């Protein structure tokens, strides 16, 4: 869907895309676990991977008034407002950030909100983003694309951000399914009837949901 409204740079070249994904059930993620257990936001997550032994070191920041009970995380710095902790773990495919970086991408702006993990990465094209999302959904039941933006020459075009929080859960499901089945491709990979059948709804209902979702997305673009 986003490929229908995003544009390339001033010379027509594709410049790359920034994607923000949210994983609602990040099993095995210490940062998300700490966020959920303490009902707090975990921010400023920084990672480094040792090429020598494959160990990942992560630092993260939480509010100073939160006392975490995690024997694997060690406090390394604090102020009156914030505390910074560090933990290490083996690199592995189960980690969301490690999974994203298998595509030669860099996971950045990592944070956890109410137990959900939010990660930003920059991809060379929409197909790579689709592959990342598909891979994440194979291991996690709740994966959503929060924001998608493509930038060009700042002096010649605007940065357009698509905020999918405008959509209802059903509208997101409809437009995601349509996109994954190739409904927006040229030529189409699937027609309206086929997408509706996959969703278990009537073709007219699919068209109504799709129209409403597209209107909300376009409203966001035009307001930018």
C-alpha atoms as a PDB file:
ATOM      1  CA  UNK A   1       0.000   0.000   0.000  1.00  0.00           C
ATOM      2  CA  UNK A   2       2.716   2.435   0.859  1.00  0.00           C
ATOM      3  CA  UNK A   3       4.333   2.051  -2.536  1.00  0.00           C
ATOM      4  CA  UNK A   4       1.269   3.711  -4.007  1.00  0.00           C
ATOM      5  CA  UNK A   5       1.909   6.992  -2.222  1.00  0.00           C
ATOM      6  CA  UNK A   6       5.642   7.156  -1.509  1.00  0.00           C
ATOM      7  CA  UNK A   7       7.853   8.819  -4.082  1.00  0.00           C
ATOM      8  CA  UNK A   8      11.518   8.678  -4.984  1.00  0.00           C
ATOM      9  CA  UNK A   9      14.083  11.459  -5.009  1.00  0.00           C
ATOM     10  CA  UNK A  10      14.121  14.430  -7.298  1.00  0.00           C
ATOM     11  CA  UNK A  11      15.926  12.449 -10.004  1.00  0.00           C
ATOM     12  CA  UNK A  12      13.474   9.558  -9.807  1.00  0.00           C
ATOM     13  CA  UNK A  13      15.858   7.286  -7.912  1.00  0.00           C
ATOM     14  CA  UNK A  14      14.684   5.260  -4.947  1.00  0.00           C
ATOM     15  CA  UNK A  15      16.512   6.629  -1.911  1.00  0.00           C
ATOM     16  CA  UNK A  16      15.597   4.166   0.788  1.00  0.00           C
ATOM     17  CA  UNK A  17      12.822   3.852   3.324  1.00  0.00           C
ATOM     18  CA  UNK A  18      12.574   4.242   7.081  1.00  0.00           C
ATOM     19  CA  UNK A  19      10.302   1.729   8.785  1.00  0.00           C
ATOM     20  CA  UNK A  20       9.190   1.527  12.405  1.00  0.00           C
ATOM     21  CA  UNK A  21       7.858  -1.841  13.521  1.00  0.00           C
ATOM     22  CA  UNK A  22       6.182  -2.799  16.769  1.00  0.00           C
ATOM     23  CA  UNK A  23       6.240  -6.354  18.138  1.00  0.00           C
ATOM     24  CA  UNK A  24       3.573  -6.905  20.758  1.00  0.00           C
ATOM     25  CA  UNK A  25       4.798 -10.257  22.045  1.00  0.00           C
ATOM     26  CA  UNK A  26       8.611 -10.073  21.977  1.00  0.00           C
ATOM     27  CA  UNK A  27       9.304 -13.441  23.612  1.00  0.00           C
ATOM     28  CA  UNK A  28      12.817 -13.704  24.985  1.00  0.00           C
ATOM     29  CA  UNK A  29      13.521  -9.954  24.791  1.00  0.00           C
ATOM     30  CA  UNK A  30      14.985  -8.729  28.137  1.00  0.00           C
ATOM     31  CA  UNK A  31      14.225  -5.085  27.347  1.00  0.00           C
ATOM     32  CA  UNK A  32      10.542  -5.805  26.692  1.00  0.00           C
ATOM     33  CA  UNK A  33      10.317  -8.077  29.747  1.00  0.00           C
ATOM     34  CA  UNK A  34      11.688  -5.358  32.024  1.00  0.00           C
ATOM     35  CA  UNK A  35       9.249  -2.862  30.524  1.00  0.00           C
ATOM     36  CA  UNK A  36       6.289  -5.197  31.061  1.00  0.00           C
ATOM     37  CA  UNK A  37       7.244  -6.353  34.556  1.00  0.00           C
ATOM     38  CA  UNK A  38       7.803  -2.814  35.830  1.00  0.00           C
ATOM     39  CA  UNK A  39       5.082  -1.067  33.821  1.00  0.00           C
ATOM     40  CA  UNK A  40       7.602   1.441  32.510  1.00  0.00           C
ATOM     41  CA  UNK A  41       9.148   2.669  29.283  1.00  0.00           C
ATOM     42  CA  UNK A  42      12.645   1.505  28.396  1.00  0.00           C
ATOM     43  CA  UNK A  43      14.491   3.931  26.144  1.00  0.00           C
ATOM     44  CA  UNK A  44      17.905   4.667  24.641  1.00  0.00           C
ATOM     45  CA  UNK A  45      18.629   1.014  23.919  1.00  0.00           C
ATOM     46  CA  UNK A  46      22.103   0.664  22.406  1.00  0.00           C
ATOM     47  CA  UNK A  47      23.615  -2.574  21.157  1.00  0.00           C
ATOM     48  CA  UNK A  48      27.053  -3.817  20.252  1.00  0.00           C
ATOM     49  CA  UNK A  49      28.005  -7.261  18.950  1.00  0.00           C
ATOM     50  CA  UNK A  50      31.409  -8.801  19.506  1.00  0.00           C
ATOM     51  CA  UNK A  51      32.660 -10.421  16.312  1.00  0.00           C
ATOM     52  CA  UNK A  52      35.066 -12.449  18.424  1.00  0.00           C
ATOM     53  CA  UNK A  53      32.589 -14.432  20.507  1.00  0.00           C
ATOM     54  CA  UNK A  54      29.173 -13.424  19.185  1.00  0.00           C
ATOM     55  CA  UNK A  55      28.099 -11.838  22.474  1.00  0.00           C
ATOM     56  CA  UNK A  56      25.626  -8.947  22.330  1.00  0.00           C
ATOM     57  CA  UNK A  57      25.947  -6.148  24.908  1.00  0.00           C
ATOM     58  CA  UNK A  58      22.927  -3.900  25.419  1.00  0.00           C
ATOM     59  CA  UNK A  59      22.558  -0.734  27.483  1.00  0.00           C
ATOM     60  CA  UNK A  60      19.161   0.755  28.252  1.00  0.00           C
ATOM     61  CA  UNK A  61      17.702   3.605  30.283  1.00  0.00           C
ATOM     62  CA  UNK A  62      14.711   3.701  32.629  1.00  0.00           C
ATOM     63  CA  UNK A  63      13.336   6.181  35.133  1.00  0.00           C
ATOM     64  CA  UNK A  64      15.446   6.414  38.277  1.00  0.00           C
ATOM     65  CA  UNK A  65      12.423   5.777  40.502  1.00  0.00           C
ATOM     66  CA  UNK A  66      11.962   2.291  39.007  1.00  0.00           C
ATOM     67  CA  UNK A  67      13.809  -0.474  40.806  1.00  0.00           C
ATOM     68  CA  UNK A  68      14.155  -3.494  38.554  1.00  0.00           C
ATOM     69  CA  UNK A  69      14.555  -7.041  39.817  1.00  0.00           C
ATOM     70  CA  UNK A  70      16.731  -8.559  37.119  1.00  0.00           C
ATOM     71  CA  UNK A  71      19.919 -10.368  38.101  1.00  0.00           C
ATOM     72  CA  UNK A  72      21.179 -10.277  34.503  1.00  0.00           C
ATOM     73  CA  UNK A  73      21.079  -6.464  34.230  1.00  0.00           C
ATOM     74  CA  UNK A  74      23.668  -4.353  36.046  1.00  0.00           C
ATOM     75  CA  UNK A  75      23.292  -0.656  36.776  1.00  0.00           C
ATOM     76  CA  UNK A  76      26.208   1.218  35.208  1.00  0.00           C
ATOM     77  CA  UNK A  77      25.162   4.878  35.492  1.00  0.00           C
ATOM     78  CA  UNK A  78      22.508   6.997  37.156  1.00  0.00           C
ATOM     79  CA  UNK A  79      21.281  10.518  37.657  1.00  0.00           C
ATOM     80  CA  UNK A  80      18.433  11.917  39.729  1.00  0.00           C
ATOM     81  CA  UNK A  81      16.111  11.276  36.792  1.00  0.00           C
ATOM     82  CA  UNK A  82      17.408   8.162  35.013  1.00  0.00           C
ATOM     83  CA  UNK A  83      19.312   4.937  35.490  1.00  0.00           C
ATOM     84  CA  UNK A  84      21.241   3.081  32.799  1.00  0.00           C
ATOM     85  CA  UNK A  85      21.617  -0.702  32.918  1.00  0.00           C
ATOM     86  CA  UNK A  86      23.652  -3.203  30.920  1.00  0.00           C
ATOM     87  CA  UNK A  87      23.234  -6.886  30.144  1.00  0.00           C
ATOM     88  CA  UNK A  88      24.895  -9.356  27.793  1.00  0.00           C
ATOM     89  CA  UNK A  89      23.465 -12.283  25.861  1.00  0.00           C
ATOM     90  CA  UNK A  90      24.459 -14.605  23.030  1.00  0.00           C
ATOM     91  CA  UNK A  91      23.548 -13.404  19.555  1.00  0.00           C
ATOM     92  CA  UNK A  92      20.622 -15.392  18.182  1.00  0.00           C
ATOM     93  CA  UNK A  93      17.878 -15.466  15.607  1.00  0.00           C
ATOM     94  CA  UNK A  94      15.160 -15.316  18.283  1.00  0.00           C
ATOM     95  CA  UNK A  95      16.121 -11.710  19.033  1.00  0.00           C
ATOM     96  CA  UNK A  96      14.074  -9.243  17.013  1.00  0.00           C
ATOM     97  CA  UNK A  97      16.978  -6.886  16.405  1.00  0.00           C
ATOM     98  CA  UNK A  98      19.276  -9.750  15.418  1.00  0.00           C
ATOM     99  CA  UNK A  99      16.599 -10.991  13.027  1.00  0.00           C
ATOM    100  CA  UNK A 100      16.309  -7.598  11.350  1.00  0.00           C
ATOM    101  CA  UNK A 101      20.071  -7.330  11.014  1.00  0.00           C
ATOM    102  CA  UNK A 102      20.185 -10.653   9.142  1.00  0.00           C
ATOM    103  CA  UNK A 103      19.038  -8.583   6.159  1.00  0.00           C
ATOM    104  CA  UNK A 104      22.181  -6.407   6.409  1.00  0.00           C
ATOM    105  CA  UNK A 105      20.106  -3.674   8.061  1.00  0.00           C
ATOM    106  CA  UNK A 106      20.748  -1.815  11.319  1.00  0.00           C
ATOM    107  CA  UNK A 107      18.210  -1.861  14.137  1.00  0.00           C
ATOM    108  CA  UNK A 108      18.022   1.611  15.675  1.00  0.00           C
ATOM    109  CA  UNK A 109      15.866   3.814  17.924  1.00  0.00           C
ATOM    110  CA  UNK A 110      15.050   0.714  19.969  1.00  0.00           C
ATOM    111  CA  UNK A 111      12.666   1.143  22.886  1.00  0.00           C
ATOM    112  CA  UNK A 112       9.953  -0.689  24.753  1.00  0.00           C
ATOM    113  CA  UNK A 113       6.544   0.674  25.672  1.00  0.00           C
ATOM    114  CA  UNK A 114       4.237  -1.334  27.940  1.00  0.00           C
ATOM    115  CA  UNK A 115       6.060  -4.520  27.070  1.00  0.00           C
ATOM    116  CA  UNK A 116       5.967  -3.929  23.309  1.00  0.00           C
ATOM    117  CA  UNK A 117       9.243  -3.573  21.443  1.00  0.00           C
ATOM    118  CA  UNK A 118       9.538  -0.763  18.892  1.00  0.00           C
ATOM    119  CA  UNK A 119      12.416  -0.815  16.401  1.00  0.00           C
ATOM    120  CA  UNK A 120      13.323   1.458  13.488  1.00  0.00           C
ATOM    121  CA  UNK A 121      15.371   0.335  10.505  1.00  0.00           C
ATOM    122  CA  UNK A 122      16.277   1.735   7.101  1.00  0.00           C
ATOM    123  CA  UNK A 123      15.687  -0.490   4.070  1.00  0.00           C
ATOM    124  CA  UNK A 124      16.706  -0.019   0.423  1.00  0.00           C
ATOM    125  CA  UNK A 125      13.223  -0.841  -0.931  1.00  0.00           C
ATOM    126  CA  UNK A 126       9.690  -1.905  -0.021  1.00  0.00           C
ATOM    127  CA  UNK A 127      10.354  -5.541  -0.884  1.00  0.00           C
ATOM    128  CA  UNK A 128      12.993  -5.768   1.853  1.00  0.00           C
ATOM    129  CA  UNK A 129      10.542  -4.316   4.386  1.00  0.00           C
ATOM    130  CA  UNK A 130       7.962  -6.903   3.331  1.00  0.00           C
ATOM    131  CA  UNK A 131      10.526  -9.681   3.818  1.00  0.00           C
ATOM    132  CA  UNK A 132      11.437  -8.400   7.287  1.00  0.00           C
ATOM    133  CA  UNK A 133       7.792  -8.188   8.380  1.00  0.00           C
ATOM    134  CA  UNK A 134       7.061 -11.664   7.006  1.00  0.00           C
ATOM    135  CA  UNK A 135      10.048 -13.112   8.856  1.00  0.00           C
ATOM    136  CA  UNK A 136       9.091 -11.443  12.144  1.00  0.00           C
ATOM    137  CA  UNK A 137       5.537 -12.744  11.869  1.00  0.00           C
ATOM    138  CA  UNK A 138       6.839 -16.284  11.574  1.00  0.00           C
ATOM    139  CA  UNK A 139       8.141 -16.013  15.150  1.00  0.00           C
ATOM    140  CA  UNK A 140       5.828 -13.437  16.758  1.00  0.00           C
ATOM    141  CA  UNK A 141       2.046 -13.312  16.656  1.00  0.00           C
ATOM    142  CA  UNK A 142       1.675  -9.529  16.885  1.00  0.00           C
ATOM    143  CA  UNK A 143       3.789  -7.507  14.465  1.00  0.00           C
ATOM    144  CA  UNK A 144       2.660  -4.173  13.050  1.00  0.00           C
ATOM    145  CA  UNK A 145       4.200  -1.513  10.854  1.00  0.00           C
ATOM    146  CA  UNK A 146       3.748   1.748  12.758  1.00  0.00           C
ATOM    147  CA  UNK A 147       5.358   4.275  10.442  1.00  0.00           C
ATOM    148  CA  UNK A 148       6.758   4.189   6.949  1.00  0.00           C
ATOM    149  CA  UNK A 149       8.525   7.098   5.293  1.00  0.00           C
ATOM    150  CA  UNK A 150      10.727   7.794   2.317  1.00  0.00           C
ATOM    151  CA  UNK A 151      12.845  10.917   1.987  1.00  0.00           C
ATOM    152  CA  UNK A 152      14.554  12.637  -0.871  1.00  0.00           C
ATOM    153  CA  UNK A 153      16.220  15.983  -1.443  1.00  0.00           C
ATOM    154  CA  UNK A 154      14.984  18.045   1.514  1.00  0.00           C
ATOM    155  CA  UNK A 155      15.106  21.155  -0.649  1.00  0.00           C
ATOM    156  CA  UNK A 156      12.891  19.717  -3.364  1.00  0.00           C
ATOM    157  CA  UNK A 157      10.372  17.426  -1.699  1.00  0.00           C
ATOM    158  CA  UNK A 158       8.633  16.832   1.578  1.00  0.00           C
ATOM    159  CA  UNK A 159       9.081  13.933   3.959  1.00  0.00           C
ATOM    160  CA  UNK A 160       5.848  11.929   3.998  1.00  0.00           C
ATOM    161  CA  UNK A 161       5.046   9.811   7.056  1.00  0.00           C
ATOM    162  CA  UNK A 162       2.259   7.251   7.002  1.00  0.00           C
ATOM    163  CA  UNK A 163       0.818   6.792  10.486  1.00  0.00           C
ATOM    164  CA  UNK A 164      -1.062   3.504  10.550  1.00  0.00           C
ATOM    165  CA  UNK A 165      -2.521   4.224  13.980  1.00  0.00           C
ATOM    166  CA  UNK A 166      -5.222   6.103  12.041  1.00  0.00           C
ATOM    167  CA  UNK A 167      -6.622   2.745  10.925  1.00  0.00           C
ATOM    168  CA  UNK A 168      -8.828   0.353  12.867  1.00  0.00           C
ATOM    169  CA  UNK A 169      -7.548  -3.172  13.476  1.00  0.00           C
ATOM    170  CA  UNK A 170      -9.869  -4.493  10.770  1.00  0.00           C
ATOM    171  CA  UNK A 171      -8.782  -1.871   8.258  1.00  0.00           C
ATOM    172  CA  UNK A 172      -5.134  -2.716   8.928  1.00  0.00           C
ATOM    173  CA  UNK A 173      -5.850  -6.408   8.437  1.00  0.00           C
ATOM    174  CA  UNK A 174      -7.629  -5.744   5.149  1.00  0.00           C
ATOM    175  CA  UNK A 175      -4.981  -3.496   3.682  1.00  0.00           C
ATOM    176  CA  UNK A 176      -2.094  -5.688   4.897  1.00  0.00           C
ATOM    177  CA  UNK A 177      -3.670  -8.796   3.373  1.00  0.00           C
ATOM    178  CA  UNK A 178      -4.337  -6.978   0.112  1.00  0.00           C
ATOM    179  CA  UNK A 179      -0.739  -5.789  -0.028  1.00  0.00           C
ATOM    180  CA  UNK A 180       0.725  -9.206   0.811  1.00  0.00           C
ATOM    181  CA  UNK A 181      -1.404 -10.875  -1.876  1.00  0.00           C
ATOM    182  CA  UNK A 182      -0.264  -8.384  -4.526  1.00  0.00           C
ATOM    183  CA  UNK A 183      -3.546  -6.518  -4.903  1.00  0.00           C
ATOM    184  CA  UNK A 184      -1.664  -3.236  -5.394  1.00  0.00           C
ATOM    185  CA  UNK A 185       0.886  -4.658  -7.817  1.00  0.00           C
ATOM    186  CA  UNK A 186       0.839  -3.980 -11.546  1.00  0.00           C
ATOM    187  CA  UNK A 187      -0.260  -6.394 -12.877  1.00  0.00           C
ATOM    188  CA  UNK A 188      -2.294  -7.453  -9.850  1.00  0.00           C
ATOM    189  CA  UNK A 189      -1.257 -10.558  -7.975  1.00  0.00           C
ATOM    190  CA  UNK A 190      -4.810 -10.958  -6.668  1.00  0.00           C
ATOM    191  CA  UNK A 191      -8.178  -9.366  -7.380  1.00  0.00           C
ATOM    192  CA  UNK A 192     -10.716  -8.032  -4.892  1.00  0.00           C
ATOM    193  CA  UNK A 193     -12.668 -11.284  -4.806  1.00  0.00           C
ATOM    194  CA  UNK A 194      -9.576 -13.334  -4.003  1.00  0.00           C
ATOM    195  CA  UNK A 195      -8.503 -11.010  -1.184  1.00  0.00           C
ATOM    196  CA  UNK A 196     -12.035 -10.986   0.215  1.00  0.00           C
ATOM    197  CA  UNK A 197     -12.094 -14.784   0.166  1.00  0.00           C
ATOM    198  CA  UNK A 198      -8.806 -14.907   2.057  1.00  0.00           C
ATOM    199  CA  UNK A 199     -10.283 -12.564   4.678  1.00  0.00           C
ATOM    200  CA  UNK A 200     -13.560 -14.489   4.837  1.00  0.00           C
ATOM    201  CA  UNK A 201     -15.695 -11.483   3.935  1.00  0.00           C
ATOM    202  CA  UNK A 202     -17.834 -10.377   0.990  1.00  0.00           C
ATOM    203  CA  UNK A 203     -16.168  -8.534  -1.869  1.00  0.00           C
ATOM    204  CA  UNK A 204     -18.336  -5.483  -1.193  1.00  0.00           C
ATOM    205  CA  UNK A 205     -17.261  -5.489   2.467  1.00  0.00           C
ATOM    206  CA  UNK A 206     -13.624  -5.708   1.422  1.00  0.00           C
ATOM    207  CA  UNK A 207     -14.097  -2.748  -0.904  1.00  0.00           C
ATOM    208  CA  UNK A 208     -15.699  -0.696   1.874  1.00  0.00           C
ATOM    209  CA  UNK A 209     -12.877  -1.405   4.341  1.00  0.00           C
ATOM    210  CA  UNK A 210     -10.240  -0.742   1.700  1.00  0.00           C
ATOM    211  CA  UNK A 211     -11.806   2.534   0.644  1.00  0.00           C
ATOM    212  CA  UNK A 212     -12.031   3.744   4.252  1.00  0.00           C
ATOM    213  CA  UNK A 213      -8.415   2.752   4.960  1.00  0.00           C
ATOM    214  CA  UNK A 214      -7.090   4.426   1.821  1.00  0.00           C
ATOM    215  CA  UNK A 215      -9.004   7.610   2.630  1.00  0.00           C
ATOM    216  CA  UNK A 216      -7.427   7.773   6.099  1.00  0.00           C
ATOM    217  CA  UNK A 217      -3.943   7.174   4.683  1.00  0.00           C
ATOM    218  CA  UNK A 218      -4.401   9.852   2.027  1.00  0.00           C
ATOM    219  CA  UNK A 219      -5.754  12.252   4.654  1.00  0.00           C
ATOM    220  CA  UNK A 220      -2.510  11.756   6.566  1.00  0.00           C
ATOM    221  CA  UNK A 221      -0.412  12.396   3.478  1.00  0.00           C
ATOM    222  CA  UNK A 222      -2.321  15.505   2.465  1.00  0.00           C
ATOM    223  CA  UNK A 223      -2.130  16.918   5.994  1.00  0.00           C
ATOM    224  CA  UNK A 224       1.659  16.410   6.166  1.00  0.00           C
END
